[in-house]
C-alpha atoms as a PDB file:
ATOM      1  CA  UNK A   1      20.817  29.339-258.295  1.00  0.00           C
ATOM      2  CA  UNK A   2      20.243  26.582-260.743  1.00  0.00           C
ATOM      3  CA  UNK A   3      22.083  25.130-263.297  1.00  0.00           C
ATOM      4  CA  UNK A   4      21.198  24.994-266.910  1.00  0.00           C
ATOM      5  CA  UNK A   5      22.068  21.402-266.807  1.00  0.00           C
ATOM      6  CA  UNK A   6      19.617  20.815-263.410  1.00  0.00           C
ATOM      7  CA  UNK A   7      16.788  21.794-265.724  1.00  0.00           C
ATOM      8  CA  UNK A   8      17.169  19.964-268.526  1.00  0.00           C
ATOM      9  CA  UNK A   9      14.863  17.219-269.320  1.00  0.00           C
ATOM     10  CA  UNK A  10      16.239  13.493-269.242  1.00  0.00           C
ATOM     11  CA  UNK A  11      15.187  10.585-271.824  1.00  0.00           C
ATOM     12  CA  UNK A  12      14.290   7.681-269.522  1.00  0.00           C
ATOM     13  CA  UNK A  13      16.338   4.590-270.894  1.00  0.00           C
ATOM     14  CA  UNK A  14      12.947   2.787-271.112  1.00  0.00           C
ATOM     15  CA  UNK A  15      10.703   5.224-272.663  1.00  0.00           C
ATOM     16  CA  UNK A  16      10.941   3.579-275.894  1.00  0.00           C
ATOM     17  CA  UNK A  17       9.478   0.695-274.984  1.00  0.00           C
ATOM     18  CA  UNK A  18       7.160   2.105-271.962  1.00  0.00           C
ATOM     19  CA  UNK A  19       5.684   3.975-275.287  1.00  0.00           C
ATOM     20  CA  UNK A  20       4.273   1.257-277.224  1.00  0.00           C
ATOM     21  CA  UNK A  21       2.731  -0.161-273.598  1.00  0.00           C
ATOM     22  CA  UNK A  22       1.338   3.284-272.901  1.00  0.00           C
ATOM     23  CA  UNK A  23       0.057   3.608-276.563  1.00  0.00           C
ATOM     24  CA  UNK A  24      -1.457   0.047-275.671  1.00  0.00           C
ATOM     25  CA  UNK A  25      -3.244   1.401-272.653  1.00  0.00           C
ATOM     26  CA  UNK A  26      -4.501   4.697-273.833  1.00  0.00           C
ATOM     27  CA  UNK A  27      -6.786   2.408-276.178  1.00  0.00           C
ATOM     28  CA  UNK A  28      -7.550  -0.461-273.715  1.00  0.00           C
ATOM     29  CA  UNK A  29      -9.391  -0.679-270.890  1.00  0.00           C
ATOM     30  CA  UNK A  30      -8.632  -1.524-267.287  1.00  0.00           C
ATOM     31  CA  UNK A  31      -8.101  -4.689-266.626  1.00  0.00           C
ATOM     32  CA  UNK A  32      -5.672  -6.405-264.353  1.00  0.00           C
ATOM     33  CA  UNK A  33      -2.632  -6.617-266.021  1.00  0.00           C
ATOM     34  CA  UNK A  34      -3.607  -3.200-267.671  1.00  0.00           C
ATOM     35  CA  UNK A  35      -3.634  -1.997-263.922  1.00  0.00           C
ATOM     36  CA  UNK A  36      -0.431  -3.342-262.775  1.00  0.00           C
ATOM     37  CA  UNK A  37       1.447  -1.925-266.139  1.00  0.00           C
ATOM     38  CA  UNK A  38      -0.043   1.330-265.667  1.00  0.00           C
ATOM     39  CA  UNK A  39       1.003   1.259-261.863  1.00  0.00           C
ATOM     40  CA  UNK A  40       4.375   0.230-263.043  1.00  0.00           C
ATOM     41  CA  UNK A  41       4.963   2.885-264.927  1.00  0.00           C
ATOM     42  CA  UNK A  42       3.264   5.531-262.303  1.00  0.00           C
ATOM     43  CA  UNK A  43       6.399   4.200-260.278  1.00  0.00           C
ATOM     44  CA  UNK A  44       9.159   3.877-262.566  1.00  0.00           C
ATOM     45  CA  UNK A  45       8.837   7.672-264.090  1.00  0.00           C
ATOM     46  CA  UNK A  46       7.840   9.215-260.201  1.00  0.00           C
ATOM     47  CA  UNK A  47       9.852  12.377-259.819  1.00  0.00           C
ATOM     48  CA  UNK A  48      11.615  11.377-263.111  1.00  0.00           C
ATOM     49  CA  UNK A  49      13.420  14.923-264.609  1.00  0.00           C
ATOM     50  CA  UNK A  50      12.017  14.598-268.283  1.00  0.00           C
ATOM     51  CA  UNK A  51       9.406  12.610-270.154  1.00  0.00           C
ATOM     52  CA  UNK A  52       6.923  14.808-269.509  1.00  0.00           C
ATOM     53  CA  UNK A  53       4.247  14.256-272.444  1.00  0.00           C
ATOM     54  CA  UNK A  54       4.930  10.318-271.194  1.00  0.00           C
ATOM     55  CA  UNK A  55       3.744  11.684-267.485  1.00  0.00           C
ATOM     56  CA  UNK A  56       0.878  13.303-268.922  1.00  0.00           C
ATOM     57  CA  UNK A  57      -0.335  10.161-271.045  1.00  0.00           C
ATOM     58  CA  UNK A  58      -0.290   8.638-267.525  1.00  0.00           C
ATOM     59  CA  UNK A  59      -2.590  11.080-266.220  1.00  0.00           C
ATOM     60  CA  UNK A  60      -4.858  10.810-269.017  1.00  0.00           C
ATOM     61  CA  UNK A  61      -5.367   6.836-268.315  1.00  0.00           C
ATOM     62  CA  UNK A  62      -6.156   7.517-265.081  1.00  0.00           C
ATOM     63  CA  UNK A  63      -8.685  10.175-265.712  1.00  0.00           C
ATOM     64  CA  UNK A  64     -10.160   7.866-268.453  1.00  0.00           C
ATOM     65  CA  UNK A  65     -10.052   4.866-265.818  1.00  0.00           C
ATOM     66  CA  UNK A  66     -11.811   7.032-263.142  1.00  0.00           C
ATOM     67  CA  UNK A  67      -9.116   6.195-260.860  1.00  0.00           C
ATOM     68  CA  UNK A  68      -7.010   8.408-258.217  1.00  0.00           C
ATOM     69  CA  UNK A  69      -3.268   7.036-258.089  1.00  0.00           C
ATOM     70  CA  UNK A  70      -3.828   5.774-254.631  1.00  0.00           C
ATOM     71  CA  UNK A  71      -7.254   4.120-255.877  1.00  0.00           C
ATOM     72  CA  UNK A  72      -5.128   2.337-258.487  1.00  0.00           C
ATOM     73  CA  UNK A  73      -1.924   1.738-256.456  1.00  0.00           C
ATOM     74  CA  UNK A  74      -4.661   0.123-253.598  1.00  0.00           C
ATOM     75  CA  UNK A  75      -5.931  -2.277-256.275  1.00  0.00           C
ATOM     76  CA  UNK A  76      -2.519  -3.413-257.692  1.00  0.00           C
ATOM     77  CA  UNK A  77      -0.886  -4.214-254.127  1.00  0.00           C
ATOM     78  CA  UNK A  78      -4.412  -6.450-253.750  1.00  0.00           C
ATOM     79  CA  UNK A  79      -3.599  -7.921-257.398  1.00  0.00           C
ATOM     80  CA  UNK A  80      -0.304  -8.585-256.414  1.00  0.00           C
ATOM     81  CA  UNK A  81      -0.667 -10.062-252.646  1.00  0.00           C
ATOM     82  CA  UNK A  82      -3.398 -12.477-254.503  1.00  0.00           C
ATOM     83  CA  UNK A  83      -0.590 -13.227-257.325  1.00  0.00           C
ATOM     84  CA  UNK A  84      -2.729 -12.114-260.240  1.00  0.00           C
ATOM     85  CA  UNK A  85      -0.426 -10.109-262.401  1.00  0.00           C
ATOM     86  CA  UNK A  86       2.739 -11.516-264.059  1.00  0.00           C
ATOM     87  CA  UNK A  87       2.101 -15.225-264.014  1.00  0.00           C
ATOM     88  CA  UNK A  88       3.733 -17.418-265.995  1.00  0.00           C
ATOM     89  CA  UNK A  89       1.753 -18.036-269.440  1.00  0.00           C
ATOM     90  CA  UNK A  90       0.545 -14.414-269.220  1.00  0.00           C
ATOM     91  CA  UNK A  91       0.823 -13.190-272.948  1.00  0.00           C
ATOM     92  CA  UNK A  92       2.562 -10.247-271.574  1.00  0.00           C
ATOM     93  CA  UNK A  93       4.508 -11.918-269.127  1.00  0.00           C
ATOM     94  CA  UNK A  94       7.421 -10.223-267.128  1.00  0.00           C
ATOM     95  CA  UNK A  95       7.893  -8.134-264.410  1.00  0.00           C
ATOM     96  CA  UNK A  96       9.947  -5.118-265.352  1.00  0.00           C
ATOM     97  CA  UNK A  97      10.264  -2.667-262.356  1.00  0.00           C
ATOM     98  CA  UNK A  98      13.541  -0.890-263.147  1.00  0.00           C
END
């Protein structure tokens, strides 16, 4: 038997700031930076007990961009290996995986 506390959704401490990123990704097309941001957020919210609408929006972006999660991760692994994301001088500028 599970307790009510185990079933209660939580709010991720970065959700407010991440919502701005998701809203932007919902409007934009995939590019190196946007792919990396989507992958970063998929990893951050994987298995998180809450943020259900947020996670649905991440799913919607994948569908809109016609990618599976594995395809997204493969592309972003290649981008990171080549150093093509989060370089100094990027207007977005930071790598925030936590």
